[in-house]
Amino acid sequence: MAFDFGLKRTGIAVTDPMQIISTGLKTVETKKLLAFIDQYLKTEEVEAFVFGLSLQLDGSENSVQAKTKKFAENLNKKYPQINIFWEDERYTSKEAMQTLILSGVPKMKRRNKALLDEVSATLILQTFMETYKK
């Protein structure tokens, strides 16, 4: 399960049981994220949590990263059996927009930031899976 964590909303992606392809699950308000994860884990198995690592172009952390780390720490305390990983997310928003354009998503629908967050989470998870399998 991967997260494109944001202050207002968080995009979520999951993968198939064979971990071949990532799929956008949904975008939830960040304040409701923990409750969503709790509910999801009641019916689905999650092997790992993958968070986008929010960095500036120079490699330093941006303002969202501290809150992301705090959320990840709290999640780890609640679910210590599920490992947490980090994946660089510096270009995922641009890649997500390009993916939507190439997929033929109409311009008005591309303005939906929740959709962009979900696609970004999908890219974070796919990149992680490709890197992890090597």
Protein backbone atom coordinates (compact mmCIF):
# COMPACT_ATOMS: atom_id res chain seq x y z
CA MET A 1 0.00 0.00 0.00
CA ALA A 2 1.50 3.32 -1.05
CA PHE A 3 0.71 6.89 -0.09
CA ASP A 4 1.17 10.23 -1.76
CA PHE A 5 0.80 12.03 1.57
CA GLY A 6 -0.46 15.59 1.57
CA LEU A 7 -1.61 18.06 4.17
CA LYS A 8 -5.20 18.08 2.86
CA ARG A 9 -5.56 14.75 1.08
CA THR A 10 -3.59 11.59 0.48
CA GLY A 11 -3.58 9.44 -2.62
CA ILE A 12 -3.51 5.69 -2.00
CA ALA A 13 -2.41 2.85 -4.28
CA VAL A 14 -2.27 -0.90 -3.84
CA THR A 15 -0.92 -3.81 -5.81
CA ASP A 16 -2.18 -7.19 -6.90
CA PRO A 17 -1.23 -10.26 -4.79
CA MET A 18 1.61 -11.13 -7.20
CA GLN A 19 2.94 -7.56 -6.94
CA ILE A 20 3.10 -7.02 -10.68
CA ILE A 21 1.20 -3.76 -11.13
CA SER A 22 0.09 -0.95 -8.88
CA THR A 23 -3.43 0.43 -9.02
CA GLY A 24 -4.89 3.59 -7.62
CA LEU A 25 -7.26 2.82 -4.77
CA LYS A 26 -8.61 6.24 -3.85
CA THR A 27 -7.80 9.59 -2.33
CA VAL A 28 -8.93 10.38 1.20
CA GLU A 29 -8.79 13.45 3.39
CA THR A 30 -5.55 13.17 5.35
CA LYS A 31 -7.39 13.71 8.63
CA LYS A 32 -9.41 10.55 7.84
CA LEU A 33 -6.44 8.52 6.57
CA LEU A 34 -5.76 6.48 9.70
CA ALA A 35 -9.42 5.49 9.99
CA PHE A 36 -9.41 4.47 6.32
CA ILE A 37 -6.29 2.33 6.79
CA ASP A 38 -7.78 0.71 9.91
CA GLN A 39 -10.92 -0.23 7.98
CA TYR A 40 -8.96 -1.43 4.94
CA LEU A 41 -6.75 -3.71 7.03
CA LYS A 42 -9.80 -5.47 8.43
CA THR A 43 -10.46 -7.03 5.02
CA GLU A 44 -7.21 -6.82 3.08
CA GLU A 45 -3.68 -8.01 3.67
CA VAL A 46 -0.93 -5.39 3.43
CA GLU A 47 2.71 -6.43 3.33
CA ALA A 48 4.24 -2.95 3.47
CA PHE A 49 3.47 0.74 3.62
CA VAL A 50 5.34 2.82 1.05
CA PHE A 51 5.42 6.58 1.52
CA GLY A 52 6.50 9.14 -1.00
CA LEU A 53 9.65 10.83 0.23
CA SER A 54 9.02 14.56 -0.18
CA LEU A 55 12.28 16.18 -1.17
CA GLN A 56 13.34 19.41 -2.78
CA LEU A 57 15.29 19.19 -6.02
CA ASP A 58 18.51 19.62 -4.02
CA GLY A 59 17.66 16.56 -1.89
CA SER A 60 16.60 18.43 1.25
CA GLU A 61 13.25 17.64 2.84
CA ASN A 62 10.30 19.86 2.02
CA SER A 63 7.70 21.15 4.50
CA VAL A 64 5.37 18.17 4.08
CA GLN A 65 8.02 15.57 4.94
CA ALA A 66 8.02 16.21 8.69
CA LYS A 67 4.28 15.58 8.89
CA THR A 68 4.62 12.53 6.65
CA LYS A 69 7.32 11.09 8.94
CA LYS A 70 5.18 11.72 12.02
CA PHE A 71 2.21 9.95 10.44
CA ALA A 72 4.45 7.03 9.38
CA GLU A 73 5.85 6.76 12.93
CA ASN A 74 2.35 6.63 14.39
CA LEU A 75 1.31 4.05 11.81
CA ASN A 76 4.37 1.96 12.66
CA LYS A 77 3.48 2.04 16.35
CA LYS A 78 -0.04 0.86 15.58
CA TYR A 79 1.01 -1.76 13.01
CA PRO A 80 4.61 -2.75 13.88
CA GLN A 81 4.32 -5.95 11.83
CA ILE A 82 3.98 -3.95 8.59
CA ASN A 83 7.26 -2.55 7.29
CA ILE A 84 7.51 1.05 6.15
CA PHE A 85 9.51 2.06 3.10
CA TRP A 86 10.24 5.39 1.44
CA GLU A 87 10.32 6.13 -2.27
CA ASP A 88 11.51 9.40 -3.81
CA GLU A 89 8.47 11.26 -5.12
CA ARG A 90 10.09 14.38 -6.54
CA TYR A 91 8.69 14.05 -10.05
CA THR A 92 5.56 11.97 -9.47
CA SER A 93 3.09 14.86 -9.78
CA LYS A 94 4.49 15.81 -13.19
CA GLU A 95 4.60 12.15 -14.25
CA ALA A 96 1.04 11.66 -13.00
CA MET A 97 -0.20 14.61 -15.05
CA GLN A 98 1.62 13.29 -18.12
CA THR A 99 0.06 9.86 -17.54
CA LEU A 100 -3.41 11.40 -17.40
CA ILE A 101 -2.78 13.35 -20.59
CA LEU A 102 -1.46 10.30 -22.44
CA SER A 103 -4.41 8.26 -21.16
CA GLY A 104 -6.80 10.70 -22.80
CA VAL A 105 -8.32 12.02 -19.59
CA PRO A 106 -10.21 15.21 -20.45
CA LYS A 107 -8.72 18.51 -19.29
CA MET A 108 -11.53 19.23 -16.83
CA LYS A 109 -11.07 15.85 -15.15
CA ARG A 110 -7.28 16.37 -14.96
CA ARG A 111 -7.92 19.41 -12.75
CA ASN A 112 -9.18 17.05 -10.06
CA LYS A 113 -6.29 17.06 -7.59
CA ALA A 114 -7.61 13.93 -5.86
CA LEU A 115 -7.20 12.00 -9.12
CA LEU A 116 -3.67 13.37 -9.51
CA ASP A 117 -2.81 12.28 -5.93
CA GLU A 118 -4.13 8.78 -6.60
CA VAL A 119 -2.10 8.46 -9.80
CA SER A 120 0.97 9.80 -7.96
CA ALA A 121 0.57 7.11 -5.28
CA THR A 122 0.31 4.53 -8.07
CA LEU A 123 3.60 5.75 -9.55
CA ILE A 124 5.28 5.72 -6.13
CA LEU A 125 4.23 2.11 -5.59
CA GLN A 126 5.16 0.98 -9.10
CA THR A 127 8.63 2.53 -8.82
CA PHE A 128 9.12 0.93 -5.42
CA MET A 129 8.10 -2.49 -6.71
CA GLU A 130 10.42 -2.23 -9.71
CA THR A 131 13.33 -1.17 -7.48
CA TYR A 132 12.60 -3.75 -4.76
CA LYS A 133 12.46 -6.68 -7.19
CA LYS A 134 16.02 -6.04 -8.44
